[in-house]
Amino acid sequence: QVFSDHPISEEAMVTIVNDWISFYINYYEKQMTGEQQEQE
């Protein structure tokens, strides 16, 4: 990530990072193995 001369608000960046985290969790969730408890 490169911070530009046209920054977004701190709140917007937090939202973006949380969206990225959700994306990664959803993507990798499908690949987890084992029983339900292990996956969780």
PDB file of all heavy atoms in Angstrom:
ATOM      1  N   GLN A   1       0.828  -1.205   0.000  1.00  0.00           N
ATOM      2  CA  GLN A   1       0.000   0.000   0.000  1.00  0.00           C
ATOM      3  C   GLN A   1       0.862   1.254   0.000  1.00  0.00           C
ATOM      4  O   GLN A   1       1.810   1.361   0.759  1.00  0.00           O
ATOM      5  CB  GLN A   1      -0.949   0.000   1.204  1.00  0.00           C
ATOM      6  CG  GLN A   1      -1.867  -1.200   1.241  1.00  0.00           C
ATOM      7  CD  GLN A   1      -2.563  -1.471  -0.076  1.00  0.00           C
ATOM      8  OE1 GLN A   1      -3.237  -0.607  -0.617  1.00  0.00           O
ATOM      9  NE2 GLN A   1      -2.381  -2.672  -0.607  1.00  0.00           N
ATOM     10  N   VAL A   2       0.490   2.170  -0.868  1.00  0.00           N
ATOM     11  CA  VAL A   2       1.181   3.446  -0.980  1.00  0.00           C
ATOM     12  C   VAL A   2       0.166   4.527  -0.619  1.00  0.00           C
ATOM     13  O   VAL A   2      -0.916   4.581  -1.200  1.00  0.00           O
ATOM     14  CB  VAL A   2       1.705   3.669  -2.415  1.00  0.00           C
ATOM     15  CG1 VAL A   2       2.342   5.047  -2.552  1.00  0.00           C
ATOM     16  CG2 VAL A   2       2.673   2.572  -2.801  1.00  0.00           C
ATOM     17  N   PHE A   3       0.523   5.344   0.330  1.00  0.00           N
ATOM     18  CA  PHE A   3      -0.368   6.414   0.757  1.00  0.00           C
ATOM     19  C   PHE A   3      -0.198   7.594  -0.197  1.00  0.00           C
ATOM     20  O   PHE A   3       0.914   8.057  -0.435  1.00  0.00           O
ATOM     21  CB  PHE A   3      -0.076   6.827   2.191  1.00  0.00           C
ATOM     22  CG  PHE A   3      -0.137   5.677   3.174  1.00  0.00           C
ATOM     23  CD1 PHE A   3       0.745   5.609   4.225  1.00  0.00           C
ATOM     24  CD2 PHE A   3      -1.070   4.663   3.038  1.00  0.00           C
ATOM     25  CE1 PHE A   3       0.692   4.572   5.139  1.00  0.00           C
ATOM     26  CE2 PHE A   3      -1.130   3.617   3.944  1.00  0.00           C
ATOM     27  CZ  PHE A   3      -0.252   3.568   4.995  1.00  0.00           C
ATOM     28  N   SER A   4      -1.310   8.070  -0.728  1.00  0.00           N
ATOM     29  CA  SER A   4      -1.261   9.103  -1.771  1.00  0.00           C
ATOM     30  C   SER A   4      -1.511  10.498  -1.212  1.00  0.00           C
ATOM     31  O   SER A   4      -1.796  10.677  -0.029  1.00  0.00           O
ATOM     32  CB  SER A   4      -2.317   8.779  -2.838  1.00  0.00           C
ATOM     33  OG  SER A   4      -3.601   9.013  -2.300  1.00  0.00           O
ATOM     34  N   ASP A   5      -1.433  11.448  -2.120  1.00  0.00           N
ATOM     35  CA  ASP A   5      -1.702  12.841  -1.762  1.00  0.00           C
ATOM     36  C   ASP A   5      -3.193  13.086  -1.554  1.00  0.00           C
ATOM     37  O   ASP A   5      -3.586  14.163  -1.131  1.00  0.00           O
ATOM     38  CB  ASP A   5      -1.191  13.772  -2.860  1.00  0.00           C
ATOM     39  CG  ASP A   5       0.323  13.754  -2.955  1.00  0.00           C
ATOM     40  OD1 ASP A   5       0.978  13.416  -1.950  1.00  0.00           O
ATOM     41  OD2 ASP A   5       0.845  14.076  -4.037  1.00  0.00           O
ATOM     42  N   HIS A   6      -4.012  12.111  -1.895  1.00  0.00           N
ATOM     43  CA  HIS A   6      -5.465  12.220  -1.735  1.00  0.00           C
ATOM     44  C   HIS A   6      -5.924  11.134  -0.770  1.00  0.00           C
ATOM     45  O   HIS A   6      -6.520  10.134  -1.176  1.00  0.00           O
ATOM     46  CB  HIS A   6      -6.164  12.070  -3.084  1.00  0.00           C
ATOM     47  CG  HIS A   6      -5.658  13.028  -4.114  1.00  0.00           C
ATOM     48  ND1 HIS A   6      -5.966  14.373  -4.086  1.00  0.00           N
ATOM     49  CD2 HIS A   6      -4.855  12.856  -5.183  1.00  0.00           C
ATOM     50  CE1 HIS A   6      -5.373  14.979  -5.089  1.00  0.00           C
ATOM     51  NE2 HIS A   6      -4.686  14.090  -5.781  1.00  0.00           N
ATOM     52  N   PRO A   7      -5.624  11.334   0.519  1.00  0.00           N
ATOM     53  CA  PRO A   7      -5.912  10.281   1.494  1.00  0.00           C
ATOM     54  C   PRO A   7      -7.415  10.123   1.759  1.00  0.00           C
ATOM     55  O   PRO A   7      -8.203  11.037   1.539  1.00  0.00           O
ATOM     56  CB  PRO A   7      -5.203  10.760   2.746  1.00  0.00           C
ATOM     57  CG  PRO A   7      -5.211  12.250   2.630  1.00  0.00           C
ATOM     58  CD  PRO A   7      -5.062  12.523   1.153  1.00  0.00           C
ATOM     59  N   ILE A   8      -7.749   8.936   2.213  1.00  0.00           N
ATOM     60  CA  ILE A   8      -9.110   8.687   2.679  1.00  0.00           C
ATOM     61  C   ILE A   8      -9.105   8.830   4.202  1.00  0.00           C
ATOM     62  O   ILE A   8      -8.036   8.873   4.818  1.00  0.00           O
ATOM     63  CB  ILE A   8      -9.600   7.282   2.246  1.00  0.00           C
ATOM     64  CG1 ILE A   8      -8.714   6.191   2.834  1.00  0.00           C
ATOM     65  CG2 ILE A   8      -9.653   7.188   0.723  1.00  0.00           C
ATOM     66  CD1 ILE A   8      -9.219   4.785   2.598  1.00  0.00           C
ATOM     67  N   SER A   9     -10.259   8.890   4.788  1.00  0.00           N
ATOM     68  CA  SER A   9     -10.333   9.057   6.237  1.00  0.00           C
ATOM     69  C   SER A   9      -9.819   7.809   6.954  1.00  0.00           C
ATOM     70  O   SER A   9      -9.761   6.712   6.376  1.00  0.00           O
ATOM     71  CB  SER A   9     -11.774   9.329   6.666  1.00  0.00           C
ATOM     72  OG  SER A   9     -12.563   8.167   6.495  1.00  0.00           O
ATOM     73  N   GLU A  10      -9.462   7.999   8.202  1.00  0.00           N
ATOM     74  CA  GLU A  10      -9.019   6.867   9.018  1.00  0.00           C
ATOM     75  C   GLU A  10     -10.121   5.814   9.110  1.00  0.00           C
ATOM     76  O   GLU A  10      -9.850   4.613   9.002  1.00  0.00           O
ATOM     77  CB  GLU A  10      -8.642   7.352  10.410  1.00  0.00           C
ATOM     78  CG  GLU A  10      -8.237   6.245  11.354  1.00  0.00           C
ATOM     79  CD  GLU A  10      -7.945   6.748  12.760  1.00  0.00           C
ATOM     80  OE1 GLU A  10      -7.713   7.955  12.952  1.00  0.00           O
ATOM     81  OE2 GLU A  10      -7.952   5.912  13.667  1.00  0.00           O
ATOM     82  N   GLU A  11     -11.348   6.259   9.284  1.00  0.00           N
ATOM     83  CA  GLU A  11     -12.481   5.330   9.394  1.00  0.00           C
ATOM     84  C   GLU A  11     -12.650   4.518   8.112  1.00  0.00           C
ATOM     85  O   GLU A  11     -12.932   3.319   8.164  1.00  0.00           O
ATOM     86  CB  GLU A  11     -13.777   6.093   9.708  1.00  0.00           C
ATOM     87  CG  GLU A  11     -13.780   6.781  11.053  1.00  0.00           C
ATOM     88  CD  GLU A  11     -13.024   8.112  11.075  1.00  0.00           C
ATOM     89  OE1 GLU A  11     -12.717   8.683   9.998  1.00  0.00           O
ATOM     90  OE2 GLU A  11     -12.701   8.570  12.188  1.00  0.00           O
ATOM     91  N   ALA A  12     -12.468   5.164   6.972  1.00  0.00           N
ATOM     92  CA  ALA A  12     -12.576   4.462   5.696  1.00  0.00           C
ATOM     93  C   ALA A  12     -11.472   3.419   5.555  1.00  0.00           C
ATOM     94  O   ALA A  12     -11.713   2.307   5.075  1.00  0.00           O
ATOM     95  CB  ALA A  12     -12.533   5.448   4.532  1.00  0.00           C
ATOM     96  N   MET A  13     -10.255   3.769   5.998  1.00  0.00           N
ATOM     97  CA  MET A  13      -9.153   2.808   5.914  1.00  0.00           C
ATOM     98  C   MET A  13      -9.407   1.617   6.827  1.00  0.00           C
ATOM     99  O   MET A  13      -9.133   0.468   6.456  1.00  0.00           O
ATOM    100  CB  MET A  13      -7.819   3.470   6.246  1.00  0.00           C
ATOM    101  CG  MET A  13      -6.630   2.529   6.111  1.00  0.00           C
ATOM    102  SD  MET A  13      -6.421   1.832   4.448  1.00  0.00           S
ATOM    103  CE  MET A  13      -5.617   3.187   3.622  1.00  0.00           C
ATOM    104  N   VAL A  14      -9.946   1.857   8.011  1.00  0.00           N
ATOM    105  CA  VAL A  14     -10.282   0.754   8.922  1.00  0.00           C
ATOM    106  C   VAL A  14     -11.312  -0.164   8.262  1.00  0.00           C
ATOM    107  O   VAL A  14     -11.192  -1.392   8.316  1.00  0.00           O
ATOM    108  CB  VAL A  14     -10.789   1.299  10.277  1.00  0.00           C
ATOM    109  CG1 VAL A  14     -11.404   0.184  11.123  1.00  0.00           C
ATOM    110  CG2 VAL A  14      -9.660   1.980  11.034  1.00  0.00           C
ATOM    111  N   THR A  15     -12.298   0.432   7.615  1.00  0.00           N
ATOM    112  CA  THR A  15     -13.321  -0.364   6.916  1.00  0.00           C
ATOM    113  C   THR A  15     -12.688  -1.199   5.809  1.00  0.00           C
ATOM    114  O   THR A  15     -13.000  -2.387   5.663  1.00  0.00           O
ATOM    115  CB  THR A  15     -14.413   0.556   6.340  1.00  0.00           C
ATOM    116  OG1 THR A  15     -15.042   1.256   7.418  1.00  0.00           O
ATOM    117  CG2 THR A  15     -15.452  -0.232   5.572  1.00  0.00           C
ATOM    118  N   ILE A  16     -11.802  -0.601   5.049  1.00  0.00           N
ATOM    119  CA  ILE A  16     -11.135  -1.324   3.961  1.00  0.00           C
ATOM    120  C   ILE A  16     -10.328  -2.492   4.516  1.00  0.00           C
ATOM    121  O   ILE A  16     -10.407  -3.618   4.004  1.00  0.00           O
ATOM    122  CB  ILE A  16     -10.241  -0.371   3.143  1.00  0.00           C
ATOM    123  CG1 ILE A  16     -11.115   0.588   2.335  1.00  0.00           C
ATOM    124  CG2 ILE A  16      -9.280  -1.140   2.237  1.00  0.00           C
ATOM    125  CD1 ILE A  16     -10.361   1.731   1.702  1.00  0.00           C
ATOM    126  N   VAL A  17      -9.551  -2.245   5.558  1.00  0.00           N
ATOM    127  CA  VAL A  17      -8.737  -3.315   6.150  1.00  0.00           C
ATOM    128  C   VAL A  17      -9.634  -4.424   6.695  1.00  0.00           C
ATOM    129  O   VAL A  17      -9.348  -5.611   6.501  1.00  0.00           O
ATOM    130  CB  VAL A  17      -7.794  -2.754   7.235  1.00  0.00           C
ATOM    131  CG1 VAL A  17      -7.114  -3.874   8.002  1.00  0.00           C
ATOM    132  CG2 VAL A  17      -6.745  -1.837   6.595  1.00  0.00           C
ATOM    133  N   ASN A  18     -10.724  -4.067   7.341  1.00  0.00           N
ATOM    134  CA  ASN A  18     -11.658  -5.086   7.836  1.00  0.00           C
ATOM    135  C   ASN A  18     -12.271  -5.878   6.690  1.00  0.00           C
ATOM    136  O   ASN A  18     -12.473  -7.095   6.807  1.00  0.00           O
ATOM    137  CB  ASN A  18     -12.750  -4.447   8.701  1.00  0.00           C
ATOM    138  CG  ASN A  18     -12.231  -4.029  10.053  1.00  0.00           C
ATOM    139  OD1 ASN A  18     -11.226  -4.547  10.544  1.00  0.00           O
ATOM    140  ND2 ASN A  18     -12.897  -3.069  10.661  1.00  0.00           N
ATOM    141  N   ASP A  19     -12.544  -5.219   5.578  1.00  0.00           N
ATOM    142  CA  ASP A  19     -13.049  -5.919   4.391  1.00  0.00           C
ATOM    143  C   ASP A  19     -12.003  -6.880   3.838  1.00  0.00           C
ATOM    144  O   ASP A  19     -12.325  -7.998   3.419  1.00  0.00           O
ATOM    145  CB  ASP A  19     -13.478  -4.931   3.308  1.00  0.00           C
ATOM    146  CG  ASP A  19     -14.774  -4.215   3.632  1.00  0.00           C
ATOM    147  OD1 ASP A  19     -15.483  -4.637   4.569  1.00  0.00           O
ATOM    148  OD2 ASP A  19     -15.085  -3.218   2.943  1.00  0.00           O
ATOM    149  N   TRP A  20     -10.745  -6.449   3.818  1.00  0.00           N
ATOM    150  CA  TRP A  20      -9.672  -7.345   3.361  1.00  0.00           C
ATOM    151  C   TRP A  20      -9.587  -8.573   4.264  1.00  0.00           C
ATOM    152  O   TRP A  20      -9.440  -9.696   3.778  1.00  0.00           O
ATOM    153  CB  TRP A  20      -8.329  -6.624   3.360  1.00  0.00           C
ATOM    154  CG  TRP A  20      -8.143  -5.590   2.304  1.00  0.00           C
ATOM    155  CD1 TRP A  20      -8.821  -5.467   1.120  1.00  0.00           C
ATOM    156  CD2 TRP A  20      -7.197  -4.528   2.324  1.00  0.00           C
ATOM    157  NE1 TRP A  20      -8.347  -4.388   0.417  1.00  0.00           N
ATOM    158  CE2 TRP A  20      -7.356  -3.801   1.122  1.00  0.00           C
ATOM    159  CE3 TRP A  20      -6.239  -4.115   3.235  1.00  0.00           C
ATOM    160  CZ2 TRP A  20      -6.573  -2.689   0.816  1.00  0.00           C
ATOM    161  CZ3 TRP A  20      -5.460  -3.007   2.934  1.00  0.00           C
ATOM    162  CH2 TRP A  20      -5.628  -2.301   1.733  1.00  0.00           C
ATOM    163  N   ILE A  21      -9.665  -8.353   5.571  1.00  0.00           N
ATOM    164  CA  ILE A  21      -9.598  -9.472   6.519  1.00  0.00           C
ATOM    165  C   ILE A  21     -10.755 -10.430   6.252  1.00  0.00           C
ATOM    166  O   ILE A  21     -10.558 -11.653   6.190  1.00  0.00           O
ATOM    167  CB  ILE A  21      -9.579  -8.962   7.971  1.00  0.00           C
ATOM    168  CG1 ILE A  21      -8.244  -8.284   8.264  1.00  0.00           C
ATOM    169  CG2 ILE A  21      -9.836 -10.113   8.959  1.00  0.00           C
ATOM    170  CD1 ILE A  21      -8.175  -7.565   9.610  1.00  0.00           C
ATOM    171  N   SER A  22     -11.950  -9.898   6.072  1.00  0.00           N
ATOM    172  CA  SER A  22     -13.118 -10.747   5.787  1.00  0.00           C
ATOM    173  C   SER A  22     -12.918 -11.535   4.498  1.00  0.00           C
ATOM    174  O   SER A  22     -13.265 -12.721   4.425  1.00  0.00           O
ATOM    175  CB  SER A  22     -14.385  -9.898   5.681  1.00  0.00           C
ATOM    176  OG  SER A  22     -14.703  -9.338   6.912  1.00  0.00           O
ATOM    177  N   PHE A  23     -12.353 -10.871   3.491  1.00  0.00           N
ATOM    178  CA  PHE A  23     -12.087 -11.553   2.221  1.00  0.00           C
ATOM    179  C   PHE A  23     -11.135 -12.729   2.422  1.00  0.00           C
ATOM    180  O   PHE A  23     -11.382 -13.834   1.939  1.00  0.00           O
ATOM    181  CB  PHE A  23     -11.503 -10.558   1.203  1.00  0.00           C
ATOM    182  CG  PHE A  23     -11.056 -11.209  -0.064  1.00  0.00           C
ATOM    183  CD1 PHE A  23     -11.965 -11.525  -1.056  1.00  0.00           C
ATOM    184  CD2 PHE A  23      -9.718 -11.539  -0.271  1.00  0.00           C
ATOM    185  CE1 PHE A  23     -11.561 -12.144  -2.226  1.00  0.00           C
ATOM    186  CE2 PHE A  23      -9.304 -12.158  -1.432  1.00  0.00           C
ATOM    187  CZ  PHE A  23     -10.220 -12.466  -2.420  1.00  0.00           C
ATOM    188  N   TYR A  24     -10.052 -12.496   3.139  1.00  0.00           N
ATOM    189  CA  TYR A  24      -9.081 -13.562   3.380  1.00  0.00           C
ATOM    190  C   TYR A  24      -9.694 -14.701   4.190  1.00  0.00           C
ATOM    191  O   TYR A  24      -9.472 -15.874   3.887  1.00  0.00           O
ATOM    192  CB  TYR A  24      -7.833 -13.011   4.088  1.00  0.00           C
ATOM    193  CG  TYR A  24      -6.812 -12.464   3.129  1.00  0.00           C
ATOM    194  CD1 TYR A  24      -6.973 -11.203   2.546  1.00  0.00           C
ATOM    195  CD2 TYR A  24      -5.694 -13.197   2.777  1.00  0.00           C
ATOM    196  CE1 TYR A  24      -6.049 -10.704   1.656  1.00  0.00           C
ATOM    197  CE2 TYR A  24      -4.761 -12.703   1.883  1.00  0.00           C
ATOM    198  CZ  TYR A  24      -4.948 -11.451   1.326  1.00  0.00           C
ATOM    199  OH  TYR A  24      -4.029 -10.970   0.424  1.00  0.00           O
ATOM    200  N   ILE A  25     -10.471 -14.370   5.215  1.00  0.00           N
ATOM    201  CA  ILE A  25     -11.119 -15.397   6.033  1.00  0.00           C
ATOM    202  C   ILE A  25     -12.067 -16.226   5.167  1.00  0.00           C
ATOM    203  O   ILE A  25     -12.043 -17.464   5.216  1.00  0.00           O
ATOM    204  CB  ILE A  25     -11.886 -14.761   7.222  1.00  0.00           C
ATOM    205  CG1 ILE A  25     -10.919 -14.089   8.193  1.00  0.00           C
ATOM    206  CG2 ILE A  25     -12.766 -15.782   7.925  1.00  0.00           C
ATOM    207  CD1 ILE A  25      -9.955 -15.021   8.884  1.00  0.00           C
ATOM    208  N   ASN A  26     -12.893 -15.561   4.370  1.00  0.00           N
ATOM    209  CA  ASN A  26     -13.850 -16.285   3.518  1.00  0.00           C
ATOM    210  C   ASN A  26     -13.142 -17.142   2.483  1.00  0.00           C
ATOM    211  O   ASN A  26     -13.576 -18.260   2.191  1.00  0.00           O
ATOM    212  CB  ASN A  26     -14.807 -15.305   2.832  1.00  0.00           C
ATOM    213  CG  ASN A  26     -15.775 -14.685   3.799  1.00  0.00           C
ATOM    214  OD1 ASN A  26     -16.134 -15.286   4.814  1.00  0.00           O
ATOM    215  ND2 ASN A  26     -16.211 -13.477   3.513  1.00  0.00           N
ATOM    216  N   TYR A  27     -12.058 -16.627   1.922  1.00  0.00           N
ATOM    217  CA  TYR A  27     -11.321 -17.387   0.914  1.00  0.00           C
ATOM    218  C   TYR A  27     -10.688 -18.643   1.522  1.00  0.00           C
ATOM    219  O   TYR A  27     -10.817 -19.738   0.981  1.00  0.00           O
ATOM    220  CB  TYR A  27     -10.246 -16.504   0.266  1.00  0.00           C
ATOM    221  CG  TYR A  27      -9.409 -17.242  -0.744  1.00  0.00           C
ATOM    222  CD1 TYR A  27      -9.900 -17.477  -2.022  1.00  0.00           C
ATOM    223  CD2 TYR A  27      -8.139 -17.712  -0.418  1.00  0.00           C
ATOM    224  CE1 TYR A  27      -9.146 -18.175  -2.955  1.00  0.00           C
ATOM    225  CE2 TYR A  27      -7.373 -18.399  -1.343  1.00  0.00           C
ATOM    226  CZ  TYR A  27      -7.878 -18.630  -2.609  1.00  0.00           C
ATOM    227  OH  TYR A  27      -7.136 -19.323  -3.523  1.00  0.00           O
ATOM    228  N   TYR A  28     -10.016 -18.482   2.638  1.00  0.00           N
ATOM    229  CA  TYR A  28      -9.302 -19.610   3.228  1.00  0.00           C
ATOM    230  C   TYR A  28     -10.218 -20.559   3.992  1.00  0.00           C
ATOM    231  O   TYR A  28      -9.868 -21.719   4.196  1.00  0.00           O
ATOM    232  CB  TYR A  28      -8.145 -19.126   4.106  1.00  0.00           C
ATOM    233  CG  TYR A  28      -6.951 -18.734   3.270  1.00  0.00           C
ATOM    234  CD1 TYR A  28      -6.709 -17.416   2.913  1.00  0.00           C
ATOM    235  CD2 TYR A  28      -6.084 -19.706   2.788  1.00  0.00           C
ATOM    236  CE1 TYR A  28      -5.639 -17.071   2.121  1.00  0.00           C
ATOM    237  CE2 TYR A  28      -5.006 -19.372   1.989  1.00  0.00           C
ATOM    238  CZ  TYR A  28      -4.789 -18.057   1.658  1.00  0.00           C
ATOM    239  OH  TYR A  28      -3.729 -17.742   0.860  1.00  0.00           O
ATOM    240  N   GLU A  29     -11.376 -20.086   4.395  1.00  0.00           N
ATOM    241  CA  GLU A  29     -12.321 -20.948   5.106  1.00  0.00           C
ATOM    242  C   GLU A  29     -12.683 -22.174   4.263  1.00  0.00           C
ATOM    243  O   GLU A  29     -12.796 -23.283   4.776  1.00  0.00           O
ATOM    244  CB  GLU A  29     -13.589 -20.149   5.435  1.00  0.00           C
ATOM    245  CG  GLU A  29     -14.649 -20.943   6.147  1.00  0.00           C
ATOM    246  CD  GLU A  29     -15.858 -20.094   6.476  1.00  0.00           C
ATOM    247  OE1 GLU A  29     -16.125 -19.094   5.778  1.00  0.00           O
ATOM    248  OE2 GLU A  29     -16.536 -20.442   7.456  1.00  0.00           O
ATOM    249  N   LYS A  30     -12.823 -21.977   2.980  1.00  0.00           N
ATOM    250  CA  LYS A  30     -13.205 -23.064   2.072  1.00  0.00           C
ATOM    251  C   LYS A  30     -12.109 -24.124   1.948  1.00  0.00           C
ATOM    252  O   LYS A  30     -12.366 -25.242   1.530  1.00  0.00           O
ATOM    253  CB  LYS A  30     -13.539 -22.496   0.702  1.00  0.00           C
ATOM    254  CG  LYS A  30     -14.736 -21.574   0.694  1.00  0.00           C
ATOM    255  CD  LYS A  30     -14.897 -20.904  -0.665  1.00  0.00           C
ATOM    256  CE  LYS A  30     -16.061 -19.962  -0.716  1.00  0.00           C
ATOM    257  NZ  LYS A  30     -15.794 -18.659  -0.130  1.00  0.00           N
ATOM    258  N   GLN A  31     -10.890 -23.759   2.319  1.00  0.00           N
ATOM    259  CA  GLN A  31      -9.760 -24.679   2.166  1.00  0.00           C
ATOM    260  C   GLN A  31      -9.354 -25.372   3.466  1.00  0.00           C
ATOM    261  O   GLN A  31      -8.522 -26.279   3.445  1.00  0.00           O
ATOM    262  CB  GLN A  31      -8.565 -23.907   1.606  1.00  0.00           C
ATOM    263  CG  GLN A  31      -8.851 -23.281   0.254  1.00  0.00           C
ATOM    264  CD  GLN A  31      -7.699 -22.443  -0.231  1.00  0.00           C
ATOM    265  OE1 GLN A  31      -6.571 -22.907  -0.259  1.00  0.00           O
ATOM    266  NE2 GLN A  31      -7.977 -21.205  -0.602  1.00  0.00           N
ATOM    267  N   MET A  32      -9.933 -24.946   4.588  1.00  0.00           N
ATOM    268  CA  MET A  32      -9.602 -25.547   5.882  1.00  0.00           C
ATOM    269  C   MET A  32     -10.071 -26.998   5.924  1.00  0.00           C
ATOM    270  O   MET A  32     -11.098 -27.345   5.335  1.00  0.00           O
ATOM    271  CB  MET A  32     -10.241 -24.764   7.030  1.00  0.00           C
ATOM    272  CG  MET A  32      -9.707 -23.364   7.196  1.00  0.00           C
ATOM    273  SD  MET A  32      -8.014 -23.377   7.792  1.00  0.00           S
ATOM    274  CE  MET A  32      -7.615 -21.646   7.721  1.00  0.00           C
ATOM    275  N   THR A  33      -9.313 -27.827   6.614  1.00  0.00           N
ATOM    276  CA  THR A  33      -9.639 -29.245   6.696  1.00  0.00           C
ATOM    277  C   THR A  33      -9.933 -29.634   8.140  1.00  0.00           C
ATOM    278  O   THR A  33      -9.734 -28.842   9.061  1.00  0.00           O
ATOM    279  CB  THR A  33      -8.473 -30.108   6.170  1.00  0.00           C
ATOM    280  OG1 THR A  33      -7.315 -29.845   6.969  1.00  0.00           O
ATOM    281  CG2 THR A  33      -8.176 -29.806   4.718  1.00  0.00           C
ATOM    282  N   GLY A  34     -10.395 -30.860   8.303  1.00  0.00           N
ATOM    283  CA  GLY A  34     -10.664 -31.375   9.638  1.00  0.00           C
ATOM    284  C   GLY A  34     -12.129 -31.233  10.008  1.00  0.00           C
ATOM    285  O   GLY A  34     -12.965 -30.798   9.218  1.00  0.00           O
ATOM    286  N   GLU A  35     -12.408 -31.606  11.242  1.00  0.00           N
ATOM    287  CA  GLU A  35     -13.766 -31.511  11.746  1.00  0.00           C
ATOM    288  C   GLU A  35     -14.146 -30.056  11.969  1.00  0.00           C
ATOM    289  O   GLU A  35     -13.283 -29.175  11.994  1.00  0.00           O
ATOM    290  CB  GLU A  35     -13.890 -32.303  13.047  1.00  0.00           C
ATOM    291  CG  GLU A  35     -13.664 -33.798  12.860  1.00  0.00           C
ATOM    292  CD  GLU A  35     -13.780 -34.570  14.162  1.00  0.00           C
ATOM    293  OE1 GLU A  35     -14.271 -34.016  15.152  1.00  0.00           O
ATOM    294  OE2 GLU A  35     -13.371 -35.740  14.157  1.00  0.00           O
ATOM    295  N   GLN A  36     -15.425 -29.817  12.170  1.00  0.00           N
ATOM    296  CA  GLN A  36     -15.944 -28.458  12.342  1.00  0.00           C
ATOM    297  C   GLN A  36     -15.176 -27.677  13.404  1.00  0.00           C
ATOM    298  O   GLN A  36     -14.789 -26.538  13.188  1.00  0.00           O
ATOM    299  CB  GLN A  36     -17.435 -28.539  12.718  1.00  0.00           C
ATOM    300  CG  GLN A  36     -18.100 -27.201  12.942  1.00  0.00           C
ATOM    301  CD  GLN A  36     -18.680 -26.629  11.672  1.00  0.00           C
ATOM    302  OE1 GLN A  36     -18.878 -27.338  10.706  1.00  0.00           O
ATOM    303  NE2 GLN A  36     -18.941 -25.337  11.685  1.00  0.00           N
ATOM    304  N   GLN A  37     -14.942 -28.290  14.551  1.00  0.00           N
ATOM    305  CA  GLN A  37     -14.249 -27.613  15.649  1.00  0.00           C
ATOM    306  C   GLN A  37     -12.822 -27.244  15.246  1.00  0.00           C
ATOM    307  O   GLN A  37     -12.337 -26.158  15.568  1.00  0.00           O
ATOM    308  CB  GLN A  37     -14.248 -28.494  16.895  1.00  0.00           C
ATOM    309  CG  GLN A  37     -13.671 -27.810  18.108  1.00  0.00           C
ATOM    310  CD  GLN A  37     -13.740 -28.694  19.345  1.00  0.00           C
ATOM    311  OE1 GLN A  37     -14.110 -29.856  19.284  1.00  0.00           O
ATOM    312  NE2 GLN A  37     -13.363 -28.131  20.479  1.00  0.00           N
ATOM    313  N   GLU A  38     -12.163 -28.134  14.544  1.00  0.00           N
ATOM    314  CA  GLU A  38     -10.805 -27.874  14.064  1.00  0.00           C
ATOM    315  C   GLU A  38     -10.802 -26.695  13.097  1.00  0.00           C
ATOM    316  O   GLU A  38      -9.958 -25.804  13.186  1.00  0.00           O
ATOM    317  CB  GLU A  38     -10.252 -29.125  13.383  1.00  0.00           C
ATOM    318  CG  GLU A  38      -9.104 -28.899  12.421  1.00  0.00           C
ATOM    319  CD  GLU A  38      -7.813 -28.428  13.064  1.00  0.00           C
ATOM    320  OE1 GLU A  38      -7.574 -28.719  14.242  1.00  0.00           O
ATOM    321  OE2 GLU A  38      -7.033 -27.746  12.366  1.00  0.00           O
ATOM    322  N   GLN A  39     -11.739 -26.676  12.180  1.00  0.00           N
ATOM    323  CA  GLN A  39     -11.816 -25.592  11.202  1.00  0.00           C
ATOM    324  C   GLN A  39     -12.106 -24.258  11.885  1.00  0.00           C
ATOM    325  O   GLN A  39     -11.485 -23.243  11.556  1.00  0.00           O
ATOM    326  CB  GLN A  39     -12.886 -25.894  10.157  1.00  0.00           C
ATOM    327  CG  GLN A  39     -12.527 -27.054   9.249  1.00  0.00           C
ATOM    328  CD  GLN A  39     -13.614 -27.352   8.234  1.00  0.00           C
ATOM    329  OE1 GLN A  39     -14.390 -26.489   7.871  1.00  0.00           O
ATOM    330  NE2 GLN A  39     -13.659 -28.588   7.771  1.00  0.00           N
ATOM    331  N   GLU A  40     -13.021 -24.259  12.825  1.00  0.00           N
ATOM    332  CA  GLU A  40     -13.355 -23.027  13.549  1.00  0.00           C
ATOM    333  C   GLU A  40     -12.161 -22.507  14.335  1.00  0.00           C
ATOM    334  O   GLU A  40     -11.903 -21.303  14.371  1.00  0.00           O
ATOM    335  CB  GLU A  40     -14.553 -23.258  14.464  1.00  0.00           C
ATOM    336  CG  GLU A  40     -15.858 -23.435  13.708  1.00  0.00           C
ATOM    337  CD  GLU A  40     -17.022 -23.854  14.601  1.00  0.00           C
ATOM    338  OE1 GLU A  40     -16.831 -23.989  15.831  1.00  0.00           O
ATOM    339  OE2 GLU A  40     -18.123 -24.052  14.058  1.00  0.00           O
TER     340      GLU A  40
END
